[in-house]
């Protein structure tokens, strides 16, 4: 099965503009791909449904580690997709 995920806009409330935006983006993409490959989608999305908006909840941020931020965002997005 092929899954296409399009994130048009990512809102990070309370976080200044990440200086290493490309690192965050690459880590998010790689980790979300890994999670989807290992754990799949939730029942609603597995049937081919789309969501216009997804609330991924909150995450903990470790200052100065953009790759870890990308991984945390990917995990939160995946949790939101699995509901």
PDB file of N, CA and C in Angstrom:
ATOM      1  N   UNK A   1       0.838  -1.161   0.000  1.00  0.00           N
ATOM      2  CA  UNK A   1       0.000   0.000   0.000  1.00  0.00           C
ATOM      3  C   UNK A   1       0.895   1.240   0.000  1.00  0.00           C
ATOM      4  N   UNK A   2       0.510   2.227  -0.774  1.00  0.00           N
ATOM      5  CA  UNK A   2       1.229   3.493  -0.831  1.00  0.00           C
ATOM      6  C   UNK A   2       0.439   4.534  -0.053  1.00  0.00           C
ATOM      7  N   UNK A   3       1.127   5.247   0.805  1.00  0.00           N
ATOM      8  CA  UNK A   3       0.503   6.299   1.605  1.00  0.00           C
ATOM      9  C   UNK A   3       1.161   7.621   1.246  1.00  0.00           C
ATOM     10  N   UNK A   4       0.345   8.626   0.957  1.00  0.00           N
ATOM     11  CA  UNK A   4       0.844   9.970   0.681  1.00  0.00           C
ATOM     12  C   UNK A   4       0.394  10.877   1.817  1.00  0.00           C
ATOM     13  N   UNK A   5       1.329  11.533   2.446  1.00  0.00           N
ATOM     14  CA  UNK A   5       1.028  12.484   3.517  1.00  0.00           C
ATOM     15  C   UNK A   5       1.483  13.857   3.059  1.00  0.00           C
ATOM     16  N   UNK A   6       0.563  14.792   3.080  1.00  0.00           N
ATOM     17  CA  UNK A   6       0.882  16.169   2.697  1.00  0.00           C
ATOM     18  C   UNK A   6       0.617  17.055   3.907  1.00  0.00           C
ATOM     19  N   UNK A   7       1.652  17.683   4.416  1.00  0.00           N
ATOM     20  CA  UNK A   7       1.513  18.622   5.520  1.00  0.00           C
ATOM     21  C   UNK A   7       1.682  20.009   4.930  1.00  0.00           C
ATOM     22  N   UNK A   8       0.553  20.679   4.762  1.00  0.00           N
ATOM     23  CA  UNK A   8       0.589  22.010   4.147  1.00  0.00           C
ATOM     24  C   UNK A   8       1.166  23.046   5.094  1.00  0.00           C
ATOM     25  N   UNK A   9       0.786  22.933   6.357  1.00  0.00           N
ATOM     26  CA  UNK A   9       1.232  23.929   7.330  1.00  0.00           C
ATOM     27  C   UNK A   9       1.380  23.242   8.677  1.00  0.00           C
ATOM     28  N   UNK A  10       2.485  23.500   9.321  1.00  0.00           N
ATOM     29  CA  UNK A  10       2.760  22.951  10.639  1.00  0.00           C
ATOM     30  C   UNK A  10       2.854  24.121  11.613  1.00  0.00           C
ATOM     31  N   UNK A  11       1.967  24.152  12.592  1.00  0.00           N
ATOM     32  CA  UNK A  11       1.923  25.242  13.554  1.00  0.00           C
ATOM     33  C   UNK A  11       2.541  24.764  14.857  1.00  0.00           C
ATOM     34  N   UNK A  12       3.577  25.456  15.290  1.00  0.00           N
ATOM     35  CA  UNK A  12       4.248  25.137  16.547  1.00  0.00           C
ATOM     36  C   UNK A  12       4.046  26.315  17.488  1.00  0.00           C
ATOM     37  N   UNK A  13       2.960  26.274  18.251  1.00  0.00           N
ATOM     38  CA  UNK A  13       2.658  27.351  19.188  1.00  0.00           C
ATOM     39  C   UNK A  13       3.712  27.419  20.280  1.00  0.00           C
ATOM     40  N   UNK A  14       4.137  28.625  20.589  1.00  0.00           N
ATOM     41  CA  UNK A  14       5.072  28.837  21.680  1.00  0.00           C
ATOM     42  C   UNK A  14       6.513  28.529  21.347  1.00  0.00           C
ATOM     43  N   UNK A  15       6.813  28.295  20.087  1.00  0.00           N
ATOM     44  CA  UNK A  15       8.175  27.973  19.689  1.00  0.00           C
ATOM     45  C   UNK A  15       8.640  28.987  18.648  1.00  0.00           C
ATOM     46  N   UNK A  16       9.768  29.592  18.920  1.00  0.00           N
ATOM     47  CA  UNK A  16      10.331  30.531  17.948  1.00  0.00           C
ATOM     48  C   UNK A  16      10.669  29.784  16.661  1.00  0.00           C
ATOM     49  N   UNK A  17      10.837  30.506  15.592  1.00  0.00           N
ATOM     50  CA  UNK A  17      11.191  29.914  14.300  1.00  0.00           C
ATOM     51  C   UNK A  17      12.444  29.061  14.455  1.00  0.00           C
ATOM     52  N   UNK A  18      12.353  27.734  14.217  1.00  0.00           N
ATOM     53  CA  UNK A  18      13.534  26.882  14.386  1.00  0.00           C
ATOM     54  C   UNK A  18      14.666  27.298  13.445  1.00  0.00           C
ATOM     55  N   UNK A  19      15.847  27.510  13.970  1.00  0.00           N
ATOM     56  CA  UNK A  19      16.960  27.932  13.113  1.00  0.00           C
ATOM     57  C   UNK A  19      17.387  26.835  12.133  1.00  0.00           C
ATOM     58  N   UNK A  20      17.163  25.607  12.486  1.00  0.00           N
ATOM     59  CA  UNK A  20      17.541  24.483  11.623  1.00  0.00           C
ATOM     60  C   UNK A  20      16.293  23.833  11.047  1.00  0.00           C
ATOM     61  N   UNK A  21      15.482  24.652  10.390  1.00  0.00           N
ATOM     62  CA  UNK A  21      14.202  24.191   9.846  1.00  0.00           C
ATOM     63  C   UNK A  21      14.367  22.968   8.932  1.00  0.00           C
ATOM     64  N   UNK A  22      15.409  22.951   8.107  1.00  0.00           N
ATOM     65  CA  UNK A  22      15.626  21.827   7.186  1.00  0.00           C
ATOM     66  C   UNK A  22      15.904  20.535   7.956  1.00  0.00           C
ATOM     67  N   UNK A  23      16.619  20.630   9.079  1.00  0.00           N
ATOM     68  CA  UNK A  23      16.903  19.445   9.896  1.00  0.00           C
ATOM     69  C   UNK A  23      15.617  18.925  10.526  1.00  0.00           C
ATOM     70  N   UNK A  24      14.785  19.843  11.033  1.00  0.00           N
ATOM     71  CA  UNK A  24      13.490  19.451  11.615  1.00  0.00           C
ATOM     72  C   UNK A  24      12.648  18.755  10.554  1.00  0.00           C
ATOM     73  N   UNK A  25      12.576  19.346   9.375  1.00  0.00           N
ATOM     74  CA  UNK A  25      11.768  18.789   8.284  1.00  0.00           C
ATOM     75  C   UNK A  25      12.261  17.407   7.877  1.00  0.00           C
ATOM     76  N   UNK A  26      13.561  17.243   7.715  1.00  0.00           N
ATOM     77  CA  UNK A  26      14.106  15.947   7.305  1.00  0.00           C
ATOM     78  C   UNK A  26      13.861  14.879   8.375  1.00  0.00           C
ATOM     79  N   UNK A  27      14.054  15.238   9.634  1.00  0.00           N
ATOM     80  CA  UNK A  27      13.837  14.276  10.727  1.00  0.00           C
ATOM     81  C   UNK A  27      12.367  13.903  10.826  1.00  0.00           C
ATOM     82  N   UNK A  28      11.475  14.890  10.673  1.00  0.00           N
ATOM     83  CA  UNK A  28      10.039  14.618  10.710  1.00  0.00           C
ATOM     84  C   UNK A  28       9.658  13.658   9.592  1.00  0.00           C
ATOM     85  N   UNK A  29      10.107  13.935   8.395  1.00  0.00           N
ATOM     86  CA  UNK A  29       9.780  13.097   7.244  1.00  0.00           C
ATOM     87  C   UNK A  29      10.292  11.671   7.408  1.00  0.00           C
ATOM     88  N   UNK A  30      11.535  11.533   7.824  1.00  0.00           N
ATOM     89  CA  UNK A  30      12.120  10.198   7.982  1.00  0.00           C
ATOM     90  C   UNK A  30      11.421   9.410   9.082  1.00  0.00           C
ATOM     91  N   UNK A  31      11.162  10.057  10.216  1.00  0.00           N
ATOM     92  CA  UNK A  31      10.536   9.350  11.333  1.00  0.00           C
ATOM     93  C   UNK A  31       9.083   9.014  11.041  1.00  0.00           C
ATOM     94  N   UNK A  32       8.342   9.910  10.401  1.00  0.00           N
ATOM     95  CA  UNK A  32       6.954   9.609  10.067  1.00  0.00           C
ATOM     96  C   UNK A  32       6.887   8.464   9.059  1.00  0.00           C
ATOM     97  N   UNK A  33       7.789   8.442   8.097  1.00  0.00           N
ATOM     98  CA  UNK A  33       7.844   7.318   7.144  1.00  0.00           C
ATOM     99  C   UNK A  33       8.126   6.011   7.861  1.00  0.00           C
ATOM    100  N   UNK A  34       9.066   6.050   8.812  1.00  0.00           N
ATOM    101  CA  UNK A  34       9.394   4.846   9.569  1.00  0.00           C
ATOM    102  C   UNK A  34       8.196   4.370  10.392  1.00  0.00           C
ATOM    103  N   UNK A  35       7.529   5.287  11.072  1.00  0.00           N
ATOM    104  CA  UNK A  35       6.385   4.918  11.903  1.00  0.00           C
ATOM    105  C   UNK A  35       5.235   4.359  11.065  1.00  0.00           C
ATOM    106  N   UNK A  36       4.962   4.981   9.934  1.00  0.00           N
ATOM    107  CA  UNK A  36       3.891   4.480   9.071  1.00  0.00           C
ATOM    108  C   UNK A  36       4.224   3.104   8.520  1.00  0.00           C
ATOM    109  N   UNK A  37       5.490   2.884   8.185  1.00  0.00           N
ATOM    110  CA  UNK A  37       5.898   1.573   7.693  1.00  0.00           C
ATOM    111  C   UNK A  37       5.815   0.498   8.761  1.00  0.00           C
ATOM    112  N   UNK A  38       6.155   0.858   9.995  1.00  0.00           N
ATOM    113  CA  UNK A  38       6.175  -0.123  11.084  1.00  0.00           C
ATOM    114  C   UNK A  38       4.803  -0.343  11.701  1.00  0.00           C
ATOM    115  N   UNK A  39       4.021   0.726  11.826  1.00  0.00           N
ATOM    116  CA  UNK A  39       2.762   0.629  12.576  1.00  0.00           C
ATOM    117  C   UNK A  39       1.518   0.890  11.755  1.00  0.00           C
ATOM    118  N   UNK A  40       1.686   1.399  10.547  1.00  0.00           N
ATOM    119  CA  UNK A  40       0.534   1.657   9.692  1.00  0.00           C
ATOM    120  C   UNK A  40      -0.283   2.851  10.137  1.00  0.00           C
ATOM    121  N   UNK A  41      -1.527   2.871   9.665  1.00  0.00           N
ATOM    122  CA  UNK A  41      -2.464   3.958   9.929  1.00  0.00           C
ATOM    123  C   UNK A  41      -3.553   3.494  10.884  1.00  0.00           C
ATOM    124  N   UNK A  42      -4.276   4.464  11.421  1.00  0.00           N
ATOM    125  CA  UNK A  42      -5.446   4.140  12.222  1.00  0.00           C
ATOM    126  C   UNK A  42      -6.557   3.612  11.333  1.00  0.00           C
ATOM    127  N   UNK A  43      -7.587   3.015  11.929  1.00  0.00           N
ATOM    128  CA  UNK A  43      -8.662   2.396  11.138  1.00  0.00           C
ATOM    129  C   UNK A  43      -9.389   3.359  10.202  1.00  0.00           C
ATOM    130  N   UNK A  44      -9.579   4.608  10.639  1.00  0.00           N
ATOM    131  CA  UNK A  44     -10.295   5.571   9.798  1.00  0.00           C
ATOM    132  C   UNK A  44      -9.514   5.897   8.534  1.00  0.00           C
ATOM    133  N   UNK A  45      -8.226   6.143   8.670  1.00  0.00           N
ATOM    134  CA  UNK A  45      -7.404   6.515   7.517  1.00  0.00           C
ATOM    135  C   UNK A  45      -6.990   5.315   6.686  1.00  0.00           C
ATOM    136  N   UNK A  46      -6.938   4.144   7.293  1.00  0.00           N
ATOM    137  CA  UNK A  46      -6.530   2.947   6.557  1.00  0.00           C
ATOM    138  C   UNK A  46      -7.500   2.636   5.416  1.00  0.00           C
ATOM    139  N   UNK A  47      -8.733   3.084   5.546  1.00  0.00           N
ATOM    140  CA  UNK A  47      -9.727   2.862   4.500  1.00  0.00           C
ATOM    141  C   UNK A  47      -9.627   3.850   3.359  1.00  0.00           C
ATOM    142  N   UNK A  48      -8.655   4.736   3.396  1.00  0.00           N
ATOM    143  CA  UNK A  48      -8.454   5.695   2.317  1.00  0.00           C
ATOM    144  C   UNK A  48      -9.042   7.062   2.583  1.00  0.00           C
ATOM    145  N   UNK A  49      -9.532   7.286   3.794  1.00  0.00           N
ATOM    146  CA  UNK A  49     -10.111   8.585   4.138  1.00  0.00           C
ATOM    147  C   UNK A  49      -9.009   9.639   4.233  1.00  0.00           C
ATOM    148  N   UNK A  50      -9.419  10.882   4.101  1.00  0.00           N
ATOM    149  CA  UNK A  50      -8.491  12.004   4.235  1.00  0.00           C
ATOM    150  C   UNK A  50      -8.951  12.877   5.388  1.00  0.00           C
ATOM    151  N   UNK A  51      -8.028  13.603   5.951  1.00  0.00           N
ATOM    152  CA  UNK A  51      -8.363  14.561   7.000  1.00  0.00           C
ATOM    153  C   UNK A  51      -7.868  15.933   6.564  1.00  0.00           C
ATOM    154  N   UNK A  52      -8.739  16.913   6.725  1.00  0.00           N
ATOM    155  CA  UNK A  52      -8.347  18.271   6.388  1.00  0.00           C
ATOM    156  C   UNK A  52      -7.478  18.868   7.485  1.00  0.00           C
ATOM    157  N   UNK A  53      -7.654  18.386   8.707  1.00  0.00           N
ATOM    158  CA  UNK A  53      -6.902  18.925   9.832  1.00  0.00           C
ATOM    159  C   UNK A  53      -6.666  17.816  10.840  1.00  0.00           C
ATOM    160  N   UNK A  54      -5.519  17.884  11.474  1.00  0.00           N
ATOM    161  CA  UNK A  54      -5.173  16.889  12.482  1.00  0.00           C
ATOM    162  C   UNK A  54      -4.556  17.607  13.672  1.00  0.00           C
ATOM    163  N   UNK A  55      -5.133  17.388  14.845  1.00  0.00           N
ATOM    164  CA  UNK A  55      -4.568  17.951  16.069  1.00  0.00           C
ATOM    165  C   UNK A  55      -3.657  16.888  16.654  1.00  0.00           C
ATOM    166  N   UNK A  56      -2.360  17.153  16.633  1.00  0.00           N
ATOM    167  CA  UNK A  56      -1.382  16.168  17.102  1.00  0.00           C
ATOM    168  C   UNK A  56      -1.090  16.310  18.591  1.00  0.00           C
ATOM    169  N   UNK A  57      -1.783  17.204  19.266  1.00  0.00           N
ATOM    170  CA  UNK A  57      -1.573  17.361  20.698  1.00  0.00           C
ATOM    171  C   UNK A  57      -0.302  18.130  21.003  1.00  0.00           C
ATOM    172  N   UNK A  58       0.254  17.861  22.172  1.00  0.00           N
ATOM    173  CA  UNK A  58       1.447  18.594  22.585  1.00  0.00           C
ATOM    174  C   UNK A  58       2.660  17.672  22.636  1.00  0.00           C
ATOM    175  N   UNK A  59       3.824  18.280  22.558  1.00  0.00           N
ATOM    176  CA  UNK A  59       5.084  17.541  22.633  1.00  0.00           C
ATOM    177  C   UNK A  59       6.031  18.284  23.570  1.00  0.00           C
ATOM    178  N   UNK A  60       7.036  17.584  24.047  1.00  0.00           N
ATOM    179  CA  UNK A  60       8.093  18.212  24.828  1.00  0.00           C
ATOM    180  C   UNK A  60       9.225  18.583  23.875  1.00  0.00           C
ATOM    181  N   UNK A  61       9.787  19.755  24.083  1.00  0.00           N
ATOM    182  CA  UNK A  61      10.836  20.251  23.205  1.00  0.00           C
ATOM    183  C   UNK A  61      12.161  20.295  23.959  1.00  0.00           C
ATOM    184  N   UNK A  62      13.192  19.739  23.341  1.00  0.00           N
ATOM    185  CA  UNK A  62      14.542  19.809  23.886  1.00  0.00           C
ATOM    186  C   UNK A  62      15.273  20.905  23.121  1.00  0.00           C
ATOM    187  N   UNK A  63      15.571  22.025  23.788  1.00  0.00           N
ATOM    188  CA  UNK A  63      16.238  23.126  23.084  1.00  0.00           C
ATOM    189  C   UNK A  63      17.574  22.690  22.470  1.00  0.00           C
ATOM    190  N   UNK A  64      17.834  23.181  21.270  1.00  0.00           N
ATOM    191  CA  UNK A  64      19.112  22.936  20.618  1.00  0.00           C
ATOM    192  C   UNK A  64      19.238  21.604  19.913  1.00  0.00           C
ATOM    193  N   UNK A  65      18.140  20.852  19.780  1.00  0.00           N
ATOM    194  CA  UNK A  65      18.218  19.560  19.108  1.00  0.00           C
ATOM    195  C   UNK A  65      17.111  19.472  18.059  1.00  0.00           C
ATOM    196  N   UNK A  66      17.324  20.054  16.868  1.00  0.00           N
ATOM    197  CA  UNK A  66      16.277  20.089  15.846  1.00  0.00           C
ATOM    198  C   UNK A  66      15.869  18.707  15.338  1.00  0.00           C
ATOM    199  N   UNK A  67      16.794  17.742  15.310  1.00  0.00           N
ATOM    200  CA  UNK A  67      16.429  16.395  14.856  1.00  0.00           C
ATOM    201  C   UNK A  67      15.465  15.735  15.838  1.00  0.00           C
ATOM    202  N   UNK A  68      15.718  15.914  17.120  1.00  0.00           N
ATOM    203  CA  UNK A  68      14.835  15.358  18.133  1.00  0.00           C
ATOM    204  C   UNK A  68      13.463  16.027  18.074  1.00  0.00           C
ATOM    205  N   UNK A  69      13.433  17.315  17.769  1.00  0.00           N
ATOM    206  CA  UNK A  69      12.163  18.017  17.593  1.00  0.00           C
ATOM    207  C   UNK A  69      11.384  17.406  16.425  1.00  0.00           C
ATOM    208  N   UNK A  70      12.055  17.154  15.305  1.00  0.00           N
ATOM    209  CA  UNK A  70      11.401  16.523  14.155  1.00  0.00           C
ATOM    210  C   UNK A  70      10.838  15.155  14.492  1.00  0.00           C
ATOM    211  N   UNK A  71      11.583  14.360  15.262  1.00  0.00           N
ATOM    212  CA  UNK A  71      11.109  13.034  15.678  1.00  0.00           C
ATOM    213  C   UNK A  71       9.886  13.155  16.583  1.00  0.00           C
ATOM    214  N   UNK A  72       9.922  14.113  17.512  1.00  0.00           N
ATOM    215  CA  UNK A  72       8.796  14.301  18.428  1.00  0.00           C
ATOM    216  C   UNK A  72       7.541  14.726  17.669  1.00  0.00           C
ATOM    217  N   UNK A  73       7.702  15.602  16.701  1.00  0.00           N
ATOM    218  CA  UNK A  73       6.558  16.040  15.889  1.00  0.00           C
ATOM    219  C   UNK A  73       6.001  14.857  15.115  1.00  0.00           C
ATOM    220  N   UNK A  74       6.874  14.055  14.504  1.00  0.00           N
ATOM    221  CA  UNK A  74       6.426  12.889  13.732  1.00  0.00           C
ATOM    222  C   UNK A  74       5.660  11.913  14.611  1.00  0.00           C
ATOM    223  N   UNK A  75       6.143  11.678  15.813  1.00  0.00           N
ATOM    224  CA  UNK A  75       5.452  10.765  16.725  1.00  0.00           C
ATOM    225  C   UNK A  75       4.073  11.299  17.082  1.00  0.00           C
ATOM    226  N   UNK A  76       3.979  12.602  17.339  1.00  0.00           N
ATOM    227  CA  UNK A  76       2.688  13.207  17.671  1.00  0.00           C
ATOM    228  C   UNK A  76       1.731  13.138  16.493  1.00  0.00           C
ATOM    229  N   UNK A  77       2.228  13.421  15.290  1.00  0.00           N
ATOM    230  CA  UNK A  77       1.380  13.341  14.092  1.00  0.00           C
ATOM    231  C   UNK A  77       0.908  11.911  13.879  1.00  0.00           C
ATOM    232  N   UNK A  78       1.788  10.948  14.051  1.00  0.00           N
ATOM    233  CA  UNK A  78       1.397   9.550  13.877  1.00  0.00           C
ATOM    234  C   UNK A  78       0.345   9.135  14.899  1.00  0.00           C
ATOM    235  N   UNK A  79       0.515   9.564  16.140  1.00  0.00           N
ATOM    236  CA  UNK A  79      -0.496   9.273  17.164  1.00  0.00           C
ATOM    237  C   UNK A  79      -1.850   9.851  16.741  1.00  0.00           C
ATOM    238  N   UNK A  80      -1.823  11.070  16.208  1.00  0.00           N
ATOM    239  CA  UNK A  80      -3.067  11.687  15.738  1.00  0.00           C
ATOM    240  C   UNK A  80      -3.684  10.930  14.575  1.00  0.00           C
ATOM    241  N   UNK A  81      -2.849  10.376  13.707  1.00  0.00           N
ATOM    242  CA  UNK A  81      -3.337   9.604  12.565  1.00  0.00           C
ATOM    243  C   UNK A  81      -3.874   8.240  12.990  1.00  0.00           C
ATOM    244  N   UNK A  82      -3.364   7.720  14.089  1.00  0.00           N
ATOM    245  CA  UNK A  82      -3.735   6.375  14.533  1.00  0.00           C
ATOM    246  C   UNK A  82      -5.069   6.360  15.284  1.00  0.00           C
ATOM    247  N   UNK A  83      -5.574   7.519  15.636  1.00  0.00           N
ATOM    248  CA  UNK A  83      -6.855   7.576  16.369  1.00  0.00           C
ATOM    249  C   UNK A  83      -8.003   7.225  15.475  1.00  0.00           C
TER     250      UNK A  83
END
